[in-house]
Amino acid sequence: MNDLAYQYNDDMPTELLDGMVYAMSSPSVKHNSVAFNIATIFNNYLKGKPCKMIQVTSVKLTERDQPIPDVMIVCNRDIIKDDAVYGAPDLIVEILSPTTAKRDRAYKKNLYANFGVKEYWLVDTNNHAIEVYYNTDGDFILHDIYQIYPSNVISYMTDEQKAAIVHEFKTSLFDDLVIKIEDVFDDMI
């Protein structure tokens, strides 16, 4: 399945990374729930604003690199076409799964940074964690990790540690968009 001519088939979505075609498996219920929650947060915030939230759409960066992020924000509407986004989105969210985590953490992270994506999220549904990276001179630097801690972990924390837990954060793109971590992982089975 590494033939460049094979890029998409209606029965099996694929993404192209470094000239290799990767079939995208059916996402888990957790994955879909979190993707929906993030998309809803972004979509509600962006109503009436120039930026647009887009889900599961090909991003054509080069002939050899056409990833399909889970969720993205694109502020330059000129790069949005009917079949794909042609150029770098401003923010990309990838929800980790066992089959994609290595590519999301390595190849795609470097690819997105090199093409100028401003912010990159890696979302871990198993640990209820969001790693947020900011682009600095073509490289993603970890800004912070936001997490919901299980009650058994919280029970061992000091009052000071409990007080230091962050429950919400902002993106680097918008000063007034506050994202509650609890909302990202809401109603996740």
Protein backbone atom coordinates (compact mmCIF):
# COMPACT_ATOMS: atom_id res chain seq x y z
CA MET A 1 0.00 0.00 0.00
CA ASN A 2 2.88 2.43 -0.49
CA ASP A 3 2.05 3.33 -4.08
CA LEU A 4 1.67 7.11 -4.38
CA ALA A 5 -1.10 6.64 -6.93
CA TYR A 6 -3.23 4.94 -4.28
CA GLN A 7 -4.39 7.75 -2.07
CA TYR A 8 -8.02 7.23 -1.21
CA ASN A 9 -10.75 4.68 -1.46
CA ASP A 10 -14.26 5.32 -0.17
CA ASP A 11 -14.19 2.19 1.97
CA MET A 12 -10.92 2.95 3.72
CA PRO A 13 -9.65 6.49 4.37
CA THR A 14 -5.89 6.80 4.08
CA GLU A 15 -3.26 9.38 4.77
CA LEU A 16 0.03 9.86 2.99
CA LEU A 17 3.15 10.38 5.13
CA ASP A 18 6.62 10.56 3.60
CA GLY A 19 5.24 8.87 0.50
CA MET A 20 3.79 5.93 2.43
CA VAL A 21 0.05 5.27 2.46
CA TYR A 22 -1.43 4.45 5.85
CA ALA A 23 -4.93 3.03 6.19
CA MET A 24 -6.88 4.73 8.93
CA SER A 25 -8.66 2.28 11.18
CA SER A 26 -12.07 2.87 12.68
CA PRO A 27 -11.61 5.08 15.77
CA SER A 28 -12.69 3.94 19.23
CA VAL A 29 -15.71 5.34 21.02
CA LYS A 30 -13.36 7.24 23.39
CA HIS A 31 -11.54 8.73 20.40
CA ASN A 32 -14.77 9.84 18.73
CA SER A 33 -16.18 11.29 21.97
CA VAL A 34 -13.10 13.40 22.63
CA ALA A 35 -12.83 14.51 18.99
CA PHE A 36 -16.49 15.56 19.09
CA ASN A 37 -16.00 17.45 22.37
CA ILE A 38 -12.96 19.35 21.06
CA ALA A 39 -14.66 20.10 17.74
CA THR A 40 -17.74 21.38 19.59
CA ILE A 41 -15.63 23.66 21.82
CA PHE A 42 -13.82 25.09 18.80
CA ASN A 43 -16.91 25.34 16.61
CA ASN A 44 -18.96 27.15 19.27
CA TYR A 45 -16.15 29.62 19.90
CA LEU A 46 -15.46 30.29 16.22
CA LYS A 47 -19.05 31.14 15.21
CA GLY A 48 -18.94 34.50 13.47
CA LYS A 49 -15.13 34.61 13.50
CA PRO A 50 -12.80 34.29 10.49
CA CYS A 51 -11.15 31.02 11.60
CA LYS A 52 -12.82 27.67 10.92
CA MET A 53 -12.81 24.33 12.73
CA ILE A 54 -12.38 21.35 10.41
CA GLN A 55 -12.43 17.64 11.25
CA VAL A 56 -10.91 14.58 9.58
CA THR A 57 -9.96 16.27 6.32
CA SER A 58 -6.77 15.83 4.32
CA VAL A 59 -4.09 18.49 4.69
CA LYS A 60 -2.07 18.69 1.48
CA LEU A 61 1.39 19.86 2.46
CA THR A 62 3.43 18.17 -0.32
CA GLU A 63 2.94 15.40 -2.86
CA ARG A 64 4.43 13.01 -0.29
CA ASP A 65 2.72 14.37 2.83
CA GLN A 66 -1.06 14.55 3.12
CA PRO A 67 -2.02 13.79 6.72
CA ILE A 68 -5.57 13.71 8.05
CA PRO A 69 -5.67 15.33 11.52
CA ASP A 70 -8.54 14.61 13.90
CA VAL A 71 -9.41 18.28 14.44
CA MET A 72 -7.86 21.52 13.21
CA ILE A 73 -8.36 25.25 13.17
CA VAL A 74 -7.64 27.13 9.94
CA CYS A 75 -7.60 30.93 9.98
CA ASN A 76 -6.57 31.46 6.35
CA ARG A 77 -9.78 30.45 4.58
CA ASP A 78 -8.04 30.76 1.19
CA ILE A 79 -6.32 27.41 1.81
CA ILE A 80 -9.61 25.60 2.45
CA LYS A 81 -10.92 23.86 -0.67
CA ASP A 82 -13.78 21.40 -1.07
CA ASP A 83 -11.50 18.33 -1.08
CA ALA A 84 -8.75 19.34 1.38
CA VAL A 85 -6.85 22.03 3.22
CA TYR A 86 -3.92 23.17 1.04
CA GLY A 87 -1.30 24.38 3.49
CA ALA A 88 -0.68 24.48 7.20
CA PRO A 89 -3.59 24.88 9.62
CA ASP A 90 -3.02 27.13 12.63
CA LEU A 91 -3.77 24.47 15.24
CA ILE A 92 -3.87 20.68 14.86
CA VAL A 93 -5.22 18.11 17.31
CA GLU A 94 -4.25 14.45 17.06
CA ILE A 95 -5.95 11.97 19.38
CA LEU A 96 -3.52 9.18 20.17
CA SER A 97 -4.32 5.56 19.46
CA PRO A 98 -2.07 2.50 19.68
CA THR A 99 -1.68 2.39 15.88
CA THR A 100 -0.95 6.09 15.37
CA ALA A 101 0.83 7.31 18.53
CA LYS A 102 4.36 6.80 17.21
CA ARG A 103 3.65 8.67 13.95
CA ASP A 104 1.73 11.43 15.80
CA ARG A 105 4.59 11.94 18.29
CA ALA A 106 7.41 11.82 15.77
CA TYR A 107 6.91 12.19 12.01
CA LYS A 108 3.67 14.19 12.04
CA LYS A 109 4.82 16.42 14.90
CA ASN A 110 8.01 17.33 13.00
CA LEU A 111 6.11 17.70 9.73
CA TYR A 112 3.55 20.08 11.22
CA ALA A 113 6.26 22.12 12.96
CA ASN A 114 8.31 22.45 9.76
CA PHE A 115 5.27 23.66 7.81
CA GLY A 116 4.43 26.34 10.37
CA VAL A 117 1.51 24.93 12.35
CA LYS A 118 1.42 27.26 15.35
CA GLU A 119 0.03 24.90 17.97
CA TYR A 120 -0.17 21.10 18.22
CA TRP A 121 -2.15 19.02 20.69
CA LEU A 122 -1.62 15.34 21.43
CA VAL A 123 -4.61 14.00 23.33
CA ASP A 124 -4.32 10.81 25.36
CA THR A 125 -7.79 9.41 26.09
CA ASN A 126 -6.47 6.69 28.41
CA ASN A 127 -4.73 9.13 30.75
CA HIS A 128 -7.13 12.04 30.24
CA ALA A 129 -4.20 14.23 29.22
CA ILE A 130 -3.57 16.94 26.64
CA GLU A 131 0.01 17.77 25.62
CA VAL A 132 0.15 21.27 24.14
CA TYR A 133 3.10 22.26 21.95
CA TYR A 134 3.88 25.73 20.58
CA ASN A 135 5.90 26.27 17.42
CA THR A 136 9.17 28.09 18.06
CA ASP A 137 11.35 28.62 14.98
CA GLY A 138 10.07 25.52 13.19
CA ASP A 139 10.19 23.22 16.21
CA PHE A 140 7.44 22.26 18.64
CA ILE A 141 8.28 22.99 22.26
CA LEU A 142 6.12 21.46 24.98
CA HIS A 143 4.15 24.28 26.56
CA ASP A 144 2.30 22.20 29.15
CA ILE A 145 0.45 18.97 29.87
CA TYR A 146 -3.09 19.31 31.16
CA GLN A 147 -4.63 16.31 32.85
CA ILE A 148 -7.58 15.07 34.86
CA TYR A 149 -6.18 13.12 37.78
CA PRO A 150 -8.02 10.04 39.03
CA SER A 151 -9.48 10.31 42.54
CA ASN A 152 -7.10 7.64 43.89
CA VAL A 153 -4.14 9.83 42.83
CA ILE A 154 -5.72 13.00 44.24
CA SER A 155 -6.30 11.27 47.58
CA TYR A 156 -2.50 11.01 48.03
CA MET A 157 -1.81 14.64 47.09
CA THR A 158 -1.05 17.36 49.58
CA ASP A 159 -3.35 20.37 49.74
CA GLU A 160 -0.65 22.36 47.96
CA GLN A 161 -0.46 19.80 45.12
CA LYS A 162 -4.25 19.76 44.79
CA ALA A 163 -4.32 23.57 44.63
CA ALA A 164 -1.73 23.50 41.82
CA ILE A 165 -3.88 21.31 39.53
CA VAL A 166 -4.86 23.24 36.41
CA HIS A 167 -8.49 22.80 35.38
CA GLU A 168 -8.56 25.02 32.29
CA PHE A 169 -6.21 26.59 29.77
CA LYS A 170 -6.11 28.86 26.73
CA THR A 171 -4.76 28.27 23.25
CA SER A 172 -1.99 30.46 21.91
CA LEU A 173 -4.32 31.55 19.09
CA PHE A 174 -7.09 33.23 21.09
CA ASP A 175 -6.85 35.14 24.37
CA ASP A 176 -10.51 34.65 25.21
CA LEU A 177 -11.02 30.93 24.49
CA VAL A 178 -10.86 29.10 27.80
CA ILE A 179 -10.83 25.32 27.47
CA LYS A 180 -11.94 23.32 30.48
CA ILE A 181 -10.10 20.01 30.60
CA GLU A 182 -13.22 18.40 32.01
CA ASP A 183 -15.16 19.46 28.88
CA VAL A 184 -12.61 17.80 26.58
CA PHE A 185 -13.08 14.44 28.32
CA ASP A 186 -16.79 14.89 29.13
CA ASP A 187 -19.06 11.84 28.80
CA MET A 188 -16.24 9.63 27.62
CA ILE A 189 -17.09 5.95 27.88
